[in-house]
Every structure is written in C-alpha cells, then in structure tokens.
C-alpha cells in the first residue's frame, strides 16, 4: 500500500527589510568649543581696554606661514574690527603664487583717545615657500629682536650682523612675545614636507626662547559648505576639527592654541560673526603675550 505521509509545505522566503541608513553626519550635535556669538562687544571691549602691566610696553606679534595663507589679511581683519570699518593697511594678494610680502614690516593699529595706538603690534614677513621663501634663520633672528623694520628678505642668504638692518642691542619691545602660524584650512593635508619642517624648526626656536605659539586656520568658509552658509557652524563641522587635529599633530601646537577664522576679503561691511572669531583669537593672543611679558619680568627680578 502506498504511504499517506505528506510533504512539508514550502515556506516563503524570509522577508528582507530594507532599513534606511542615514549618511554619516557632517556636524556634531553640539559645538565642541563655545563662543558667545551674540556678544562680541565684551571681547571687543576687553581688547580696547587692554594695557600691558608695564607702562610703555608693547606686545609684538610675529606672523609666519605658507605663501598665500592670509597673514596680511588677518592683520587687516583685526584692524577692521578694532576700527569699526573695512580697513586695508597690510597689502595682501589674492593668489598663492610667489611671496607677496618681501619686507619685515611692523603694523600699528590706531586706538584713538589719549593713546594713539594699541599696545600691541603685528609683524608680517615673507611666506614660507619651500624653495624661495623666507629663511628660517631670519625668523629666528626676528624672534630675538635682531631684525629692524624695513629689512628686505633674501631667500638666498640670511641677515648678517654687519647689515644696517641688524639690531645688535634689542630691547624687550623689539623681541617677539607671541608667534602666530597662519595656515589655510584647505592646505593642511597637502602641505609641502619642507614647509612643515620649517614650521617645526621655527616652533622649536620659539620654545627655547619661551615664546608662546598660536595657529590661525584661515579660509574655513572655502572648505566647508556648512560654514559658508553659517559661520556659527565652525565648531560643529567635523572636517574642520579633523584639520585642526591633523595640523596640531604635524607641528605640535596644542588644539587650545589653534583658532579658525574667516578673514575679511570680499566684504565691504563688517559682520558680527566674522568679528567674533577674530576677536576670540586676538584675545587669546594678547593673553599669551602678557604671559610672556610677565615671565620675562619674573626672570629678570629673580636674577637681580
């Protein structure tokens, strides 16, 4: 007799559920560094009211960095914020081809009132071109106050002691109090090895001299659509934080000494958000400069 055993009914294939996977977020939920965007006036007043601990003392801020980084534009941007209008004092170029700044130039900012100028000055120098830029030895001399205003940099040979632009007896005001490295955000990953080495060598010399160091990351709006749309996203965009961390690892400047800014370049009127970032970096630069002055004074007193 035949068997009545039945075959198992075929089961339908398991249902595949296609779940939507959102793309990785380009921004943090919360900013990783805080800025009071609604109150630039406090930082502005802090800078306007600042006076060094010693009468007649000034903070000398030396800017260096790759060609076309925005050193001159940063000086102009600070000038614009403090003077309340777009101001161009340091001549800047809109191209990274060749070194636009040729001379060691000191820039003072008019203050108004009883004091004609702010008690801090900026020094702009030739760019760190890998082959024909400013020599590291010249920057080392500038850090010690040996370079006089107007010295024309020579990529082939450094300033000699018998040159009329050599300052053989620099005073405290001639010496650099804060070293600022200006770097474009879009070149951090592709920076020439020779340029990185120059930055490291300059940083080592500044460290020996106990000079604090700061980095300014420029052109942040050109590498991030989120920042270009709203500058307040600067500390939310993951890419910018990664670039800051990469630069910090490459040259050794701590993250809390690196400040992203947008320079004034195409604008004809001031912008509160641009001002806030510039003032945030300037306030820290001034504080570091005062720390340097206080350290020098304490060393002088202990040696008396």
Protein backbone atom coordinates (compact mmCIF):
# COMPACT_ATOMS: atom_id res chain seq x y z
CA UNK A 1 0.00 0.00 0.00
CA UNK A 2 1.08 3.48 -0.61
CA UNK A 3 2.06 5.85 2.18
CA UNK A 4 -0.14 8.77 3.20
CA UNK A 5 2.84 10.75 4.62
CA UNK A 6 2.54 14.33 3.39
CA UNK A 7 5.36 16.54 2.21
CA UNK A 8 6.04 19.74 4.26
CA UNK A 9 4.58 22.78 2.69
CA UNK A 10 7.18 25.12 1.23
CA UNK A 11 7.83 28.19 3.38
CA UNK A 12 8.02 31.65 1.90
CA UNK A 13 11.48 33.15 1.86
CA UNK A 14 12.26 35.41 4.80
CA UNK A 15 11.18 38.94 4.22
CA UNK A 16 14.08 41.29 3.68
CA UNK A 17 13.55 44.56 5.43
CA UNK A 18 15.48 47.38 3.80
CA UNK A 19 16.18 49.88 6.53
CA UNK A 20 17.33 53.37 5.65
CA UNK A 21 20.82 54.05 6.91
CA UNK A 22 21.40 57.77 7.26
CA UNK A 23 24.71 59.06 5.91
CA UNK A 24 27.37 59.99 8.44
CA UNK A 25 26.67 63.36 9.96
CA UNK A 26 28.93 66.19 8.80
CA UNK A 27 28.36 68.07 12.02
CA UNK A 28 28.40 67.38 15.73
CA UNK A 29 25.11 67.81 17.55
CA UNK A 30 26.71 70.42 19.77
CA UNK A 31 29.71 72.68 19.17
CA UNK A 32 32.91 71.33 20.71
CA UNK A 33 34.14 74.84 21.55
CA UNK A 34 31.93 77.62 22.85
CA UNK A 35 31.71 81.18 21.55
CA UNK A 36 29.18 83.74 22.69
CA UNK A 37 28.09 84.74 19.21
CA UNK A 38 25.54 87.21 20.47
CA UNK A 39 28.01 89.28 22.49
CA UNK A 40 31.07 90.32 20.52
CA UNK A 41 31.04 93.59 22.44
CA UNK A 42 32.56 92.03 25.58
CA UNK A 43 35.59 90.68 23.70
CA UNK A 44 35.90 93.92 21.74
CA UNK A 45 35.87 95.98 24.93
CA UNK A 46 38.44 93.66 26.51
CA UNK A 47 40.83 94.32 23.63
CA UNK A 48 40.13 98.05 23.58
CA UNK A 49 40.75 98.38 27.32
CA UNK A 50 43.88 96.24 27.42
CA UNK A 51 47.09 97.75 28.74
CA UNK A 52 50.31 95.81 29.45
CA UNK A 53 51.48 95.56 33.08
CA UNK A 54 54.40 97.91 32.41
CA UNK A 55 53.95 101.42 31.01
CA UNK A 56 55.46 101.77 27.55
CA UNK A 57 55.47 98.01 27.00
CA UNK A 58 54.02 96.60 23.80
CA UNK A 59 53.25 93.06 22.70
CA UNK A 60 54.99 92.14 19.46
CA UNK A 61 53.11 89.51 17.44
CA UNK A 62 55.03 87.82 14.62
CA UNK A 63 53.02 86.14 11.87
CA UNK A 64 54.51 83.44 9.67
CA UNK A 65 53.17 80.69 7.45
CA UNK A 66 52.95 79.39 3.88
CA UNK A 67 52.68 81.71 0.90
CA UNK A 68 49.11 82.94 0.45
CA UNK A 69 47.97 81.79 3.90
CA UNK A 70 46.34 85.12 4.76
CA UNK A 71 48.86 86.72 7.13
CA UNK A 72 48.39 90.24 5.76
CA UNK A 73 44.64 89.70 5.51
CA UNK A 74 44.49 88.71 9.18
CA UNK A 75 46.25 91.95 10.15
CA UNK A 76 43.77 93.89 8.01
CA UNK A 77 40.87 91.98 9.55
CA UNK A 78 41.99 92.80 13.10
CA UNK A 79 42.41 96.42 12.05
CA UNK A 80 38.91 96.43 10.57
CA UNK A 81 37.28 95.01 13.68
CA UNK A 82 39.00 97.46 16.03
CA UNK A 83 38.41 100.49 13.82
CA UNK A 84 34.80 99.65 13.02
CA UNK A 85 35.09 99.59 9.23
CA UNK A 86 36.77 97.60 6.50
CA UNK A 87 40.38 98.74 6.56
CA UNK A 88 43.36 97.81 4.41
CA UNK A 89 46.78 98.60 5.81
CA UNK A 90 48.84 95.50 5.06
CA UNK A 91 48.88 94.90 1.31
CA UNK A 92 47.59 91.43 0.52
CA UNK A 93 47.43 89.33 -2.64
CA UNK A 94 44.58 87.11 -3.80
CA UNK A 95 46.92 84.43 -5.14
CA UNK A 96 49.27 81.92 -3.56
CA UNK A 97 51.78 82.24 -6.40
CA UNK A 98 55.05 83.69 -5.13
CA UNK A 99 55.74 85.65 -1.96
CA UNK A 100 53.82 88.93 -1.92
CA UNK A 101 55.34 90.28 1.31
CA UNK A 102 59.04 91.00 0.84
CA UNK A 103 59.99 93.15 3.85
CA UNK A 104 59.90 92.87 7.61
CA UNK A 105 57.04 95.25 8.33
CA UNK A 106 55.61 96.44 11.65
CA UNK A 107 51.92 97.35 11.76
CA UNK A 108 50.43 99.51 14.48
CA UNK A 109 46.69 99.97 14.91
CA UNK A 110 45.27 103.39 15.73
CA UNK A 111 43.48 103.45 19.04
CA UNK A 112 42.15 106.97 19.48
CA UNK A 113 41.83 108.76 22.79
CA UNK A 114 44.89 109.62 24.89
CA UNK A 115 46.87 106.66 23.49
CA UNK A 116 47.37 106.96 19.72
CA UNK A 117 48.00 103.23 19.17
CA UNK A 118 47.06 99.92 20.72
CA UNK A 119 49.82 98.41 22.90
CA UNK A 120 50.38 95.51 20.50
CA UNK A 121 51.95 95.42 17.05
CA UNK A 122 51.98 92.88 14.24
CA UNK A 123 54.99 91.89 12.17
CA UNK A 124 54.40 90.46 8.72
CA UNK A 125 57.13 88.52 6.93
CA UNK A 126 57.83 86.74 3.67
CA UNK A 127 55.96 83.44 3.22
CA UNK A 128 57.41 80.00 3.92
CA UNK A 129 57.83 78.96 0.33
CA UNK A 130 59.55 75.53 0.19
CA UNK A 131 62.33 76.83 -2.11
CA UNK A 132 62.37 80.63 -2.33
CA UNK A 133 60.61 81.77 0.81
CA UNK A 134 61.89 83.40 3.97
CA UNK A 135 64.84 81.63 5.60
CA UNK A 136 64.28 80.04 8.97
CA UNK A 137 67.44 81.75 10.26
CA UNK A 138 65.90 85.16 9.53
CA UNK A 139 62.79 84.26 11.52
CA UNK A 140 64.96 83.11 14.41
CA UNK A 141 66.72 86.49 14.36
CA UNK A 142 63.35 88.25 14.30
CA UNK A 143 62.19 86.29 17.35
CA UNK A 144 65.17 87.66 19.27
CA UNK A 145 64.56 91.22 18.10
CA UNK A 146 67.58 91.45 15.80
CA UNK A 147 65.64 92.40 12.63
CA UNK A 148 64.83 96.06 12.06
CA UNK A 149 61.69 97.27 10.36
CA UNK A 150 62.09 97.50 6.59
CA UNK A 151 64.58 94.67 6.18
CA UNK A 152 64.13 93.07 2.76
CA UNK A 153 64.26 89.30 2.97
CA UNK A 154 66.71 87.42 0.77
CA UNK A 155 65.82 83.77 0.11
CA UNK A 156 69.49 83.11 -0.68
CA UNK A 157 71.17 84.46 2.47
CA UNK A 158 70.10 85.50 5.96
CA UNK A 159 70.61 88.85 7.68
CA UNK A 160 74.23 89.41 8.74
CA UNK A 161 75.45 91.27 11.81
CA UNK A 162 77.14 93.97 9.72
CA UNK A 163 73.92 94.79 7.85
CA UNK A 164 72.30 98.16 8.68
CA UNK A 165 69.02 96.34 9.33
CA UNK A 166 70.61 94.19 12.06
CA UNK A 167 69.64 95.29 15.57
CA UNK A 168 72.60 94.40 17.76
CA UNK A 169 71.01 95.57 21.02
CA UNK A 170 67.31 94.67 21.02
CA UNK A 171 65.16 95.77 23.95
CA UNK A 172 62.11 93.94 25.27
CA UNK A 173 59.79 95.75 22.84
CA UNK A 174 61.91 94.63 19.88
CA UNK A 175 61.61 90.97 20.81
CA UNK A 176 58.66 88.80 19.78
CA UNK A 177 56.15 87.95 22.51
CA UNK A 178 53.77 85.73 20.52
CA UNK A 179 54.50 83.65 17.42
CA UNK A 180 51.46 83.08 15.20
CA UNK A 181 51.46 80.49 12.43
CA UNK A 182 48.83 81.24 9.77
CA UNK A 183 47.72 78.26 7.68
CA UNK A 184 44.87 77.84 5.14
CA UNK A 185 42.41 75.10 6.04
CA UNK A 186 42.48 73.69 2.52
CA UNK A 187 46.24 73.02 2.52
CA UNK A 188 46.72 71.26 5.85
CA UNK A 189 46.77 67.75 4.38
CA UNK A 190 48.79 68.63 1.29
CA UNK A 191 51.34 70.92 2.88
CA UNK A 192 54.84 70.51 1.50
CA UNK A 193 57.15 68.50 3.78
CA UNK A 194 59.78 71.25 3.64
CA UNK A 195 57.23 73.81 4.77
CA UNK A 196 56.16 71.59 7.66
CA UNK A 197 59.80 71.14 8.65
CA UNK A 198 60.34 74.91 8.58
CA UNK A 199 57.32 75.43 10.84
CA UNK A 200 58.64 72.80 13.24
CA UNK A 201 62.12 74.37 13.30
CA UNK A 202 60.70 77.84 13.97
CA UNK A 203 58.47 76.44 16.71
CA UNK A 204 61.44 74.73 18.38
CA UNK A 205 63.39 78.00 18.43
CA UNK A 206 60.39 79.86 19.86
CA UNK A 207 60.04 77.20 22.55
CA UNK A 208 63.69 77.63 23.53
CA UNK A 209 63.03 81.35 23.91
CA UNK A 210 59.85 80.68 25.96
CA UNK A 211 57.72 82.42 23.32
CA UNK A 212 54.10 81.17 23.25
CA UNK A 213 52.77 79.96 19.91
CA UNK A 214 49.36 80.19 18.30
CA UNK A 215 47.99 78.94 14.98
CA UNK A 216 45.34 80.67 12.90
CA UNK A 217 43.41 78.46 10.46
CA UNK A 218 42.15 80.64 7.61
CA UNK A 219 39.81 80.18 4.64
CA UNK A 220 37.46 77.98 6.67
CA UNK A 221 34.47 79.04 4.58
CA UNK A 222 36.16 77.73 1.43
CA UNK A 223 36.41 74.13 2.67
CA UNK A 224 33.03 73.73 4.33
CA UNK A 225 29.61 74.49 2.80
CA UNK A 226 28.14 74.40 6.31
CA UNK A 227 30.48 77.16 7.46
CA UNK A 228 29.99 79.14 4.26
CA UNK A 229 26.23 79.03 4.89
CA UNK A 230 26.53 79.93 8.58
CA UNK A 231 29.82 80.80 10.29
CA UNK A 232 28.34 79.72 13.62
CA UNK A 233 28.80 76.11 12.45
CA UNK A 234 32.58 76.44 12.65
CA UNK A 235 32.86 74.40 15.86
CA UNK A 236 30.27 71.87 14.74
CA UNK A 237 31.80 70.80 11.42
CA UNK A 238 33.72 67.58 11.90
CA UNK A 239 36.01 68.16 8.92
CA UNK A 240 37.40 71.39 10.36
CA UNK A 241 38.07 69.78 13.72
CA UNK A 242 39.90 66.97 11.91
CA UNK A 243 42.05 69.51 10.03
CA UNK A 244 42.91 71.28 13.29
CA UNK A 245 43.83 67.96 14.92
CA UNK A 246 45.93 66.98 11.91
CA UNK A 247 47.83 70.28 11.95
CA UNK A 248 48.30 70.00 15.71
CA UNK A 249 49.80 66.53 15.31
CA UNK A 250 52.06 67.63 12.44
CA UNK A 251 53.66 70.67 14.07
CA UNK A 252 52.99 70.19 17.78
CA UNK A 253 50.81 73.25 18.52
CA UNK A 254 48.10 72.23 21.04
CA UNK A 255 44.46 72.31 19.98
CA UNK A 256 43.61 75.02 22.52
CA UNK A 257 46.11 77.29 20.75
CA UNK A 258 44.58 76.83 17.27
CA UNK A 259 41.84 79.20 16.14
CA UNK A 260 39.80 79.02 12.93
CA UNK A 261 38.95 82.43 11.46
CA UNK A 262 37.50 83.97 8.36
CA UNK A 263 39.41 87.00 7.14
CA UNK A 264 37.70 89.92 5.52
CA UNK A 265 38.42 89.59 1.81
CA UNK A 266 35.37 90.24 -0.37
CA UNK A 267 33.17 92.04 2.17
CA UNK A 268 32.62 95.78 2.17
CA UNK A 269 30.89 95.88 5.57
CA UNK A 270 31.66 94.27 8.91
CA UNK A 271 29.93 91.08 10.01
CA UNK A 272 29.33 90.23 13.67
CA UNK A 273 30.14 86.53 13.28
CA UNK A 274 33.40 87.23 11.44
CA UNK A 275 34.28 89.74 14.16
CA UNK A 276 33.54 87.21 16.92
CA UNK A 277 36.02 84.65 15.58
CA UNK A 278 38.73 87.26 15.01
CA UNK A 279 38.25 88.74 18.49
CA UNK A 280 38.27 85.27 20.06
CA UNK A 281 41.72 84.58 18.61
CA UNK A 282 43.04 88.10 19.25
CA UNK A 283 42.02 88.00 22.90
CA UNK A 284 43.99 84.79 23.44
CA UNK A 285 47.00 86.16 21.55
CA UNK A 286 47.03 89.20 23.84
CA UNK A 287 46.74 87.00 26.94
CA UNK A 288 49.64 84.83 25.78
CA UNK A 289 51.68 87.94 25.09
CA UNK A 290 51.11 89.24 28.59
CA UNK A 291 52.12 85.85 29.98
CA UNK A 292 55.38 86.18 28.06
CA UNK A 293 55.99 89.68 29.45
CA UNK A 294 55.26 88.55 33.00
CA UNK A 295 57.60 85.57 32.62
CA UNK A 296 60.42 87.82 31.37
CA UNK A 297 59.91 90.21 34.27
CA UNK A 298 59.92 87.41 36.83
CA UNK A 299 63.15 86.04 35.37
CA UNK A 300 64.74 89.50 35.49
CA UNK A 301 63.69 90.01 39.10
CA UNK A 302 64.97 86.61 40.19
CA UNK A 303 68.36 87.32 38.62
CA UNK A 304 68.76 90.68 40.42
